[in-house]
Amino acid sequence: MVKDSRHHAHTVCRAVAKSRRKVRAAATSDLWRMSDDEVAATLLEATRLRAQAEALELRLA
């Protein structure tokens, strides 16, 4: 679990916590306002993001 004191947490701990906050915020936004091109590009980027997260998870395990 990530420490409450983020100033002393490892860089990876801080990055994961920050990423989760940003994804949670993005997931609650109005996706219907996105253009078809934005949806397509963001879907590709989200797939890449998931692959990066899975690679990090494997390194941590």
PDB file of N, CA and C in Angstrom:
ATOM      1  N   MET A   1       0.843  -1.177   0.000  1.00  0.00           N
ATOM      2  CA  MET A   1       0.000   0.000   0.000  1.00  0.00           C
ATOM      3  C   MET A   1       0.892   1.245   0.000  1.00  0.00           C
ATOM      4  N   VAL A   2       0.444   2.286  -0.665  1.00  0.00           N
ATOM      5  CA  VAL A   2       1.200   3.533  -0.760  1.00  0.00           C
ATOM      6  C   VAL A   2       1.114   4.282   0.560  1.00  0.00           C
ATOM      7  N   LYS A   3       2.260   4.806   1.001  1.00  0.00           N
ATOM      8  CA  LYS A   3       2.296   5.574   2.235  1.00  0.00           C
ATOM      9  C   LYS A   3       1.484   6.859   2.089  1.00  0.00           C
ATOM     10  N   ASP A   4       0.967   7.358   3.202  1.00  0.00           N
ATOM     11  CA  ASP A   4       0.249   8.631   3.182  1.00  0.00           C
ATOM     12  C   ASP A   4       1.196   9.785   2.875  1.00  0.00           C
ATOM     13  N   SER A   5       2.430   9.678   3.347  1.00  0.00           N
ATOM     14  CA  SER A   5       3.417  10.722   3.114  1.00  0.00           C
ATOM     15  C   SER A   5       4.042  10.516   1.737  1.00  0.00           C
ATOM     16  N   ARG A   6       3.452  11.120   0.724  1.00  0.00           N
ATOM     17  CA  ARG A   6       3.903  10.902  -0.653  1.00  0.00           C
ATOM     18  C   ARG A   6       5.282  11.482  -0.919  1.00  0.00           C
ATOM     19  N   HIS A   7       5.731  12.393  -0.069  1.00  0.00           N
ATOM     20  CA  HIS A   7       7.049  12.988  -0.273  1.00  0.00           C
ATOM     21  C   HIS A   7       8.150  11.960  -0.061  1.00  0.00           C
ATOM     22  N   HIS A   8       7.894  10.949   0.754  1.00  0.00           N
ATOM     23  CA  HIS A   8       8.902   9.957   1.074  1.00  0.00           C
ATOM     24  C   HIS A   8       8.664   8.644   0.333  1.00  0.00           C
ATOM     25  N   ALA A   9       7.566   8.533  -0.371  1.00  0.00           N
ATOM     26  CA  ALA A   9       7.263   7.306  -1.101  1.00  0.00           C
ATOM     27  C   ALA A   9       8.170   7.197  -2.321  1.00  0.00           C
ATOM     28  N   HIS A  10       8.412   5.998  -2.738  1.00  0.00           N
ATOM     29  CA  HIS A  10       9.230   5.731  -3.920  1.00  0.00           C
ATOM     30  C   HIS A  10       8.567   6.348  -5.152  1.00  0.00           C
ATOM     31  N   THR A  11       9.363   6.699  -6.127  1.00  0.00           N
ATOM     32  CA  THR A  11       8.866   7.303  -7.370  1.00  0.00           C
ATOM     33  C   THR A  11       7.759   6.461  -7.998  1.00  0.00           C
ATOM     34  N   VAL A  12       7.921   5.145  -7.991  1.00  0.00           N
ATOM     35  CA  VAL A  12       6.915   4.260  -8.586  1.00  0.00           C
ATOM     36  C   VAL A  12       5.616   4.332  -7.799  1.00  0.00           C
ATOM     37  N   CYS A  13       5.699   4.359  -6.487  1.00  0.00           N
ATOM     38  CA  CYS A  13       4.490   4.465  -5.650  1.00  0.00           C
ATOM     39  C   CYS A  13       3.728   5.745  -5.965  1.00  0.00           C
ATOM     40  N   ARG A  14       4.454   6.844  -6.058  1.00  0.00           N
ATOM     41  CA  ARG A  14       3.810   8.134  -6.357  1.00  0.00           C
ATOM     42  C   ARG A  14       3.200   8.128  -7.750  1.00  0.00           C
ATOM     43  N   ALA A  15       3.916   7.564  -8.724  1.00  0.00           N
ATOM     44  CA  ALA A  15       3.424   7.539 -10.108  1.00  0.00           C
ATOM     45  C   ALA A  15       2.144   6.719 -10.217  1.00  0.00           C
ATOM     46  N   VAL A  16       2.112   5.585  -9.549  1.00  0.00           N
ATOM     47  CA  VAL A  16       0.919   4.731  -9.603  1.00  0.00           C
ATOM     48  C   VAL A  16      -0.265   5.432  -8.941  1.00  0.00           C
ATOM     49  N   ALA A  17      -0.041   6.029  -7.784  1.00  0.00           N
ATOM     50  CA  ALA A  17      -1.123   6.728  -7.089  1.00  0.00           C
ATOM     51  C   ALA A  17      -1.651   7.888  -7.930  1.00  0.00           C
ATOM     52  N   LYS A  18      -0.754   8.664  -8.526  1.00  0.00           N
ATOM     53  CA  LYS A  18      -1.163   9.793  -9.363  1.00  0.00           C
ATOM     54  C   LYS A  18      -1.914   9.315 -10.599  1.00  0.00           C
ATOM     55  N   SER A  19      -1.428   8.252 -11.209  1.00  0.00           N
ATOM     56  CA  SER A  19      -2.089   7.713 -12.403  1.00  0.00           C
ATOM     57  C   SER A  19      -3.496   7.238 -12.093  1.00  0.00           C
ATOM     58  N   ARG A  20      -3.657   6.567 -10.956  1.00  0.00           N
ATOM     59  CA  ARG A  20      -4.992   6.100 -10.572  1.00  0.00           C
ATOM     60  C   ARG A  20      -5.951   7.259 -10.368  1.00  0.00           C
ATOM     61  N   ARG A  21      -5.464   8.341  -9.729  1.00  0.00           N
ATOM     62  CA  ARG A  21      -6.324   9.518  -9.519  1.00  0.00           C
ATOM     63  C   ARG A  21      -6.730  10.124 -10.861  1.00  0.00           C
ATOM     64  N   LYS A  22      -5.791  10.234 -11.782  1.00  0.00           N
ATOM     65  CA  LYS A  22      -6.088  10.845 -13.074  1.00  0.00           C
ATOM     66  C   LYS A  22      -7.039   9.985 -13.897  1.00  0.00           C
ATOM     67  N   VAL A  23      -6.848   8.674 -13.878  1.00  0.00           N
ATOM     68  CA  VAL A  23      -7.744   7.781 -14.621  1.00  0.00           C
ATOM     69  C   VAL A  23      -9.140   7.804 -14.020  1.00  0.00           C
ATOM     70  N   ARG A  24      -9.215   7.829 -12.684  1.00  0.00           N
ATOM     71  CA  ARG A  24     -10.527   7.903 -12.025  1.00  0.00           C
ATOM     72  C   ARG A  24     -11.259   9.185 -12.427  1.00  0.00           C
ATOM     73  N   ALA A  25     -10.543  10.295 -12.488  1.00  0.00           N
ATOM     74  CA  ALA A  25     -11.147  11.567 -12.884  1.00  0.00           C
ATOM     75  C   ALA A  25     -11.591  11.520 -14.344  1.00  0.00           C
ATOM     76  N   ALA A  26     -10.768  10.945 -15.196  1.00  0.00           N
ATOM     77  CA  ALA A  26     -11.109  10.860 -16.617  1.00  0.00           C
ATOM     78  C   ALA A  26     -12.317   9.949 -16.847  1.00  0.00           C
ATOM     79  N   ALA A  27     -12.402   8.886 -16.069  1.00  0.00           N
ATOM     80  CA  ALA A  27     -13.488   7.918 -16.239  1.00  0.00           C
ATOM     81  C   ALA A  27     -14.851   8.501 -15.882  1.00  0.00           C
ATOM     82  N   THR A  28     -14.868   9.571 -15.110  1.00  0.00           N
ATOM     83  CA  THR A  28     -16.144  10.167 -14.727  1.00  0.00           C
ATOM     84  C   THR A  28     -16.508  11.372 -15.598  1.00  0.00           C
ATOM     85  N   SER A  29     -15.684  11.660 -16.605  1.00  0.00           N
ATOM     86  CA  SER A  29     -15.989  12.798 -17.477  1.00  0.00           C
ATOM     87  C   SER A  29     -17.009  12.407 -18.544  1.00  0.00           C
ATOM     88  N   ASP A  30     -17.534  13.403 -19.236  1.00  0.00           N
ATOM     89  CA  ASP A  30     -18.557  13.181 -20.261  1.00  0.00           C
ATOM     90  C   ASP A  30     -17.912  12.698 -21.557  1.00  0.00           C
ATOM     91  N   LEU A  31     -17.834  11.381 -21.721  1.00  0.00           N
ATOM     92  CA  LEU A  31     -17.181  10.813 -22.900  1.00  0.00           C
ATOM     93  C   LEU A  31     -17.971  11.075 -24.180  1.00  0.00           C
ATOM     94  N   TRP A  32     -19.261  11.300 -24.053  1.00  0.00           N
ATOM     95  CA  TRP A  32     -20.081  11.522 -25.239  1.00  0.00           C
ATOM     96  C   TRP A  32     -19.689  12.806 -25.965  1.00  0.00           C
ATOM     97  N   ARG A  33     -18.948  13.678 -25.311  1.00  0.00           N
ATOM     98  CA  ARG A  33     -18.517  14.925 -25.941  1.00  0.00           C
ATOM     99  C   ARG A  33     -17.315  14.735 -26.857  1.00  0.00           C
ATOM    100  N   MET A  34     -16.699  13.559 -26.827  1.00  0.00           N
ATOM    101  CA  MET A  34     -15.522  13.307 -27.654  1.00  0.00           C
ATOM    102  C   MET A  34     -15.930  13.067 -29.107  1.00  0.00           C
ATOM    103  N   SER A  35     -15.094  13.530 -30.027  1.00  0.00           N
ATOM    104  CA  SER A  35     -15.336  13.254 -31.440  1.00  0.00           C
ATOM    105  C   SER A  35     -14.964  11.802 -31.727  1.00  0.00           C
ATOM    106  N   ASP A  36     -15.403  11.297 -32.867  1.00  0.00           N
ATOM    107  CA  ASP A  36     -15.063   9.930 -33.262  1.00  0.00           C
ATOM    108  C   ASP A  36     -13.550   9.755 -33.369  1.00  0.00           C
ATOM    109  N   ASP A  37     -12.869  10.764 -33.895  1.00  0.00           N
ATOM    110  CA  ASP A  37     -11.408  10.694 -34.016  1.00  0.00           C
ATOM    111  C   ASP A  37     -10.744  10.660 -32.647  1.00  0.00           C
ATOM    112  N   GLU A  38     -11.263  11.458 -31.710  1.00  0.00           N
ATOM    113  CA  GLU A  38     -10.717  11.454 -30.357  1.00  0.00           C
ATOM    114  C   GLU A  38     -10.930  10.105 -29.683  1.00  0.00           C
ATOM    115  N   VAL A  39     -12.102   9.524 -29.884  1.00  0.00           N
ATOM    116  CA  VAL A  39     -12.390   8.213 -29.297  1.00  0.00           C
ATOM    117  C   VAL A  39     -11.421   7.174 -29.851  1.00  0.00           C
ATOM    118  N   ALA A  40     -11.245   7.152 -31.152  1.00  0.00           N
ATOM    119  CA  ALA A  40     -10.355   6.165 -31.774  1.00  0.00           C
ATOM    120  C   ALA A  40      -8.917   6.332 -31.281  1.00  0.00           C
ATOM    121  N   ALA A  41      -8.421   7.560 -31.264  1.00  0.00           N
ATOM    122  CA  ALA A  41      -7.047   7.807 -30.824  1.00  0.00           C
ATOM    123  C   ALA A  41      -6.875   7.487 -29.342  1.00  0.00           C
ATOM    124  N   THR A  42      -7.870   7.839 -28.539  1.00  0.00           N
ATOM    125  CA  THR A  42      -7.766   7.616 -27.098  1.00  0.00           C
ATOM    126  C   THR A  42      -7.904   6.140 -26.762  1.00  0.00           C
ATOM    127  N   LEU A  43      -8.701   5.420 -27.515  1.00  0.00           N
ATOM    128  CA  LEU A  43      -8.808   3.979 -27.314  1.00  0.00           C
ATOM    129  C   LEU A  43      -7.453   3.311 -27.548  1.00  0.00           C
ATOM    130  N   LEU A  44      -6.763   3.730 -28.597  1.00  0.00           N
ATOM    131  CA  LEU A  44      -5.423   3.205 -28.874  1.00  0.00           C
ATOM    132  C   LEU A  44      -4.467   3.554 -27.736  1.00  0.00           C
ATOM    133  N   GLU A  45      -4.498   4.784 -27.280  1.00  0.00           N
ATOM    134  CA  GLU A  45      -3.618   5.206 -26.189  1.00  0.00           C
ATOM    135  C   GLU A  45      -3.961   4.484 -24.886  1.00  0.00           C
ATOM    136  N   ALA A  46      -5.243   4.239 -24.639  1.00  0.00           N
ATOM    137  CA  ALA A  46      -5.651   3.514 -23.428  1.00  0.00           C
ATOM    138  C   ALA A  46      -5.143   2.075 -23.474  1.00  0.00           C
ATOM    139  N   THR A  47      -5.149   1.482 -24.655  1.00  0.00           N
ATOM    140  CA  THR A  47      -4.609   0.132 -24.823  1.00  0.00           C
ATOM    141  C   THR A  47      -3.115   0.119 -24.531  1.00  0.00           C
ATOM    142  N   ARG A  48      -2.417   1.132 -25.019  1.00  0.00           N
ATOM    143  CA  ARG A  48      -0.979   1.247 -24.738  1.00  0.00           C
ATOM    144  C   ARG A  48      -0.725   1.478 -23.253  1.00  0.00           C
ATOM    145  N   LEU A  49      -1.557   2.291 -22.633  1.00  0.00           N
ATOM    146  CA  LEU A  49      -1.436   2.555 -21.199  1.00  0.00           C
ATOM    147  C   LEU A  49      -1.622   1.267 -20.404  1.00  0.00           C
ATOM    148  N   ARG A  50      -2.607   0.470 -20.780  1.00  0.00           N
ATOM    149  CA  ARG A  50      -2.851  -0.799 -20.091  1.00  0.00           C
ATOM    150  C   ARG A  50      -1.638  -1.717 -20.224  1.00  0.00           C
ATOM    151  N   ALA A  51      -1.037  -1.766 -21.416  1.00  0.00           N
ATOM    152  CA  ALA A  51       0.152  -2.597 -21.628  1.00  0.00           C
ATOM    153  C   ALA A  51       1.308  -2.134 -20.750  1.00  0.00           C
ATOM    154  N   GLN A  52       1.471  -0.818 -20.626  1.00  0.00           N
ATOM    155  CA  GLN A  52       2.528  -0.292 -19.760  1.00  0.00           C
ATOM    156  C   GLN A  52       2.264  -0.647 -18.301  1.00  0.00           C
ATOM    157  N   ALA A  53       1.020  -0.538 -17.881  1.00  0.00           N
ATOM    158  CA  ALA A  53       0.669  -0.863 -16.497  1.00  0.00           C
ATOM    159  C   ALA A  53       0.904  -2.353 -16.229  1.00  0.00           C
ATOM    160  N   GLU A  54       0.561  -3.195 -17.188  1.00  0.00           N
ATOM    161  CA  GLU A  54       0.784  -4.631 -17.032  1.00  0.00           C
ATOM    162  C   GLU A  54       2.278  -4.952 -16.981  1.00  0.00           C
ATOM    163  N   ALA A  55       3.084  -4.253 -17.771  1.00  0.00           N
ATOM    164  CA  ALA A  55       4.534  -4.465 -17.734  1.00  0.00           C
ATOM    165  C   ALA A  55       5.093  -4.071 -16.365  1.00  0.00           C
ATOM    166  N   LEU A  56       4.617  -2.965 -15.810  1.00  0.00           N
ATOM    167  CA  LEU A  56       5.046  -2.546 -14.483  1.00  0.00           C
ATOM    168  C   LEU A  56       4.627  -3.565 -13.429  1.00  0.00           C
ATOM    169  N   GLU A  57       3.391  -4.045 -13.570  1.00  0.00           N
ATOM    170  CA  GLU A  57       2.892  -5.048 -12.621  1.00  0.00           C
ATOM    171  C   GLU A  57       3.775  -6.295 -12.637  1.00  0.00           C
ATOM    172  N   LEU A  58       4.178  -6.734 -13.808  1.00  0.00           N
ATOM    173  CA  LEU A  58       5.054  -7.907 -13.917  1.00  0.00           C
ATOM    174  C   LEU A  58       6.416  -7.640 -13.285  1.00  0.00           C
ATOM    175  N   ARG A  59       6.954  -6.459 -13.484  1.00  0.00           N
ATOM    176  CA  ARG A  59       8.242  -6.114 -12.868  1.00  0.00           C
ATOM    177  C   ARG A  59       8.139  -6.121 -11.349  1.00  0.00           C
ATOM    178  N   LEU A  60       7.021  -5.614 -10.831  1.00  0.00           N
ATOM    179  CA  LEU A  60       6.833  -5.566  -9.383  1.00  0.00           C
ATOM    180  C   LEU A  60       6.651  -6.970  -8.787  1.00  0.00           C
ATOM    181  N   ALA A  61       6.009  -7.833  -9.551  1.00  0.00           N
ATOM    182  CA  ALA A  61       5.762  -9.207  -9.061  1.00  0.00           C
ATOM    183  C   ALA A  61       7.061  -9.975  -9.047  1.00  0.00           C
TER     184      ALA A  61
END
